[in-house]
Amino acid sequence: MSAIAEALSYTETEIRSFLPSGWGIVRGAAGRLDPRSGRWSIEVYDSADNVWSIHVEPDAARGGRLEALRAVIDRIQRKGLGRKSVLLG
């Protein structure tokens, strides 16, 4: 496993800082790192109480772990709104 995968983790404050207004971390959910793939995951909910899984891949974190988290949350939010991002697909 690479050093980036080993270091991939986020605090609740970091996660909440990128979540849109009305979104939150699922009660009892804790971020977890899959030791095999190096992927970090957590479940969040939106303002309509839909649950979304956030997965940050170690390759995405090469450009910066916080930037990788922001990109994943942006993608999930756009998916929830039913819009497709020109940049993120």
C-alpha atoms as a PDB file:
ATOM      1  CA  MET A   1       0.000   0.000   0.000  1.00  0.00           C
ATOM      2  CA  SER A   2       1.320   3.455  -0.845  1.00  0.00           C
ATOM      3  CA  ALA A   3       2.063   6.186   1.674  1.00  0.00           C
ATOM      4  CA  ILE A   4      -0.869   8.180   0.284  1.00  0.00           C
ATOM      5  CA  ALA A   5      -3.311   5.328   0.918  1.00  0.00           C
ATOM      6  CA  GLU A   6      -1.958   4.860   4.425  1.00  0.00           C
ATOM      7  CA  ALA A   7      -2.387   8.565   5.191  1.00  0.00           C
ATOM      8  CA  LEU A   8      -5.858   8.874   3.631  1.00  0.00           C
ATOM      9  CA  SER A   9      -8.227   9.880   6.418  1.00  0.00           C
ATOM     10  CA  TYR A  10     -10.505  12.787   7.228  1.00  0.00           C
ATOM     11  CA  THR A  11     -11.824  14.363  10.416  1.00  0.00           C
ATOM     12  CA  GLU A  12     -15.535  15.070  10.910  1.00  0.00           C
ATOM     13  CA  THR A  13     -14.765  18.777  10.660  1.00  0.00           C
ATOM     14  CA  GLU A  14     -13.050  18.327   7.291  1.00  0.00           C
ATOM     15  CA  ILE A  15     -15.970  16.287   5.946  1.00  0.00           C
ATOM     16  CA  ARG A  16     -18.632  18.689   7.231  1.00  0.00           C
ATOM     17  CA  SER A  17     -16.760  21.670   5.788  1.00  0.00           C
ATOM     18  CA  PHE A  18     -17.379  20.347   2.250  1.00  0.00           C
ATOM     19  CA  LEU A  19     -20.940  19.069   2.748  1.00  0.00           C
ATOM     20  CA  PRO A  20     -23.724  21.297   1.398  1.00  0.00           C
ATOM     21  CA  SER A  21     -26.098  22.985   3.835  1.00  0.00           C
ATOM     22  CA  GLY A  22     -28.582  20.478   5.262  1.00  0.00           C
ATOM     23  CA  TRP A  23     -26.279  17.497   4.703  1.00  0.00           C
ATOM     24  CA  GLY A  24     -24.614  15.532   7.489  1.00  0.00           C
ATOM     25  CA  ILE A  25     -22.718  12.412   8.441  1.00  0.00           C
ATOM     26  CA  VAL A  26     -24.909   9.366   9.105  1.00  0.00           C
ATOM     27  CA  ARG A  27     -25.190   8.789  12.851  1.00  0.00           C
ATOM     28  CA  GLY A  28     -22.764   6.119  13.964  1.00  0.00           C
ATOM     29  CA  ALA A  29     -20.918   6.171  10.650  1.00  0.00           C
ATOM     30  CA  ALA A  30     -17.173   6.403  10.839  1.00  0.00           C
ATOM     31  CA  GLY A  31     -14.797   6.881   7.977  1.00  0.00           C
ATOM     32  CA  ARG A  32     -12.974   3.696   7.128  1.00  0.00           C
ATOM     33  CA  LEU A  33     -10.019   2.805   4.987  1.00  0.00           C
ATOM     34  CA  ASP A  34     -10.196  -0.415   2.984  1.00  0.00           C
ATOM     35  CA  PRO A  35      -6.747  -1.943   3.524  1.00  0.00           C
ATOM     36  CA  ARG A  36      -6.892  -3.880   0.247  1.00  0.00           C
ATOM     37  CA  SER A  37      -7.852  -1.084  -2.133  1.00  0.00           C
ATOM     38  CA  GLY A  38      -6.709   1.907  -0.089  1.00  0.00           C
ATOM     39  CA  ARG A  39     -10.128   3.518  -0.672  1.00  0.00           C
ATOM     40  CA  TRP A  40     -11.545   5.659   2.142  1.00  0.00           C
ATOM     41  CA  SER A  41     -15.344   5.633   2.628  1.00  0.00           C
ATOM     42  CA  ILE A  42     -18.096   7.157   4.770  1.00  0.00           C
ATOM     43  CA  GLU A  43     -21.880   7.539   4.508  1.00  0.00           C
ATOM     44  CA  VAL A  44     -23.591  10.934   4.522  1.00  0.00           C
ATOM     45  CA  TYR A  45     -27.213  12.052   4.135  1.00  0.00           C
ATOM     46  CA  ASP A  46     -28.732  14.917   2.182  1.00  0.00           C
ATOM     47  CA  SER A  47     -31.499  17.342   3.180  1.00  0.00           C
ATOM     48  CA  ALA A  48     -34.131  14.792   2.043  1.00  0.00           C
ATOM     49  CA  ASP A  49     -32.546  12.065   4.231  1.00  0.00           C
ATOM     50  CA  ASN A  50     -31.212  10.122   1.253  1.00  0.00           C
ATOM     51  CA  VAL A  51     -28.037   8.254   2.183  1.00  0.00           C
ATOM     52  CA  TRP A  52     -24.987   8.615  -0.058  1.00  0.00           C
ATOM     53  CA  SER A  53     -21.703   6.739   0.120  1.00  0.00           C
ATOM     54  CA  ILE A  54     -18.583   8.816  -0.333  1.00  0.00           C
ATOM     55  CA  HIS A  55     -15.537   6.946  -1.626  1.00  0.00           C
ATOM     56  CA  VAL A  56     -12.156   8.628  -2.034  1.00  0.00           C
ATOM     57  CA  GLU A  57      -9.743   6.629  -4.151  1.00  0.00           C
ATOM     58  CA  PRO A  58      -6.026   6.816  -3.336  1.00  0.00           C
ATOM     59  CA  ASP A  59      -5.216   7.880  -6.917  1.00  0.00           C
ATOM     60  CA  ALA A  60      -7.581  10.858  -6.597  1.00  0.00           C
ATOM     61  CA  ALA A  61      -5.806  11.936  -3.420  1.00  0.00           C
ATOM     62  CA  ARG A  62      -2.493  12.337  -5.230  1.00  0.00           C
ATOM     63  CA  GLY A  63      -3.605  15.861  -6.140  1.00  0.00           C
ATOM     64  CA  GLY A  64      -4.318  16.602  -2.469  1.00  0.00           C
ATOM     65  CA  ARG A  65      -6.482  14.712  -0.033  1.00  0.00           C
ATOM     66  CA  LEU A  66      -8.838  17.631   0.710  1.00  0.00           C
ATOM     67  CA  GLU A  67      -9.245  18.421  -2.989  1.00  0.00           C
ATOM     68  CA  ALA A  68     -10.107  14.745  -3.582  1.00  0.00           C
ATOM     69  CA  LEU A  69     -12.754  14.848  -0.832  1.00  0.00           C
ATOM     70  CA  ARG A  70     -14.238  18.067  -2.233  1.00  0.00           C
ATOM     71  CA  ALA A  71     -14.432  16.616  -5.744  1.00  0.00           C
ATOM     72  CA  VAL A  72     -16.224  13.469  -4.553  1.00  0.00           C
ATOM     73  CA  ILE A  73     -18.734  15.449  -2.476  1.00  0.00           C
ATOM     74  CA  ASP A  74     -19.373  17.838  -5.396  1.00  0.00           C
ATOM     75  CA  ARG A  75     -19.986  14.871  -7.694  1.00  0.00           C
ATOM     76  CA  ILE A  76     -22.418  13.278  -5.204  1.00  0.00           C
ATOM     77  CA  GLN A  77     -24.266  16.570  -4.720  1.00  0.00           C
ATOM     78  CA  ARG A  78     -24.687  17.053  -8.471  1.00  0.00           C
ATOM     79  CA  LYS A  79     -25.909  13.483  -8.796  1.00  0.00           C
ATOM     80  CA  GLY A  80     -28.437  14.167  -6.040  1.00  0.00           C
ATOM     81  CA  LEU A  81     -29.653  17.273  -7.831  1.00  0.00           C
ATOM     82  CA  GLY A  82     -30.069  15.306 -11.033  1.00  0.00           C
ATOM     83  CA  ARG A  83     -27.532  17.458 -12.850  1.00  0.00           C
ATOM     84  CA  LYS A  84     -24.474  16.316 -14.658  1.00  0.00           C
ATOM     85  CA  SER A  85     -21.319  18.316 -14.234  1.00  0.00           C
ATOM     86  CA  VAL A  86     -19.490  19.350 -17.365  1.00  0.00           C
ATOM     87  CA  LEU A  87     -16.186  18.916 -15.550  1.00  0.00           C
ATOM     88  CA  LEU A  88     -16.864  15.895 -13.358  1.00  0.00           C
ATOM     89  CA  GLY A  89     -19.326  13.921 -15.455  1.00  0.00           C
END
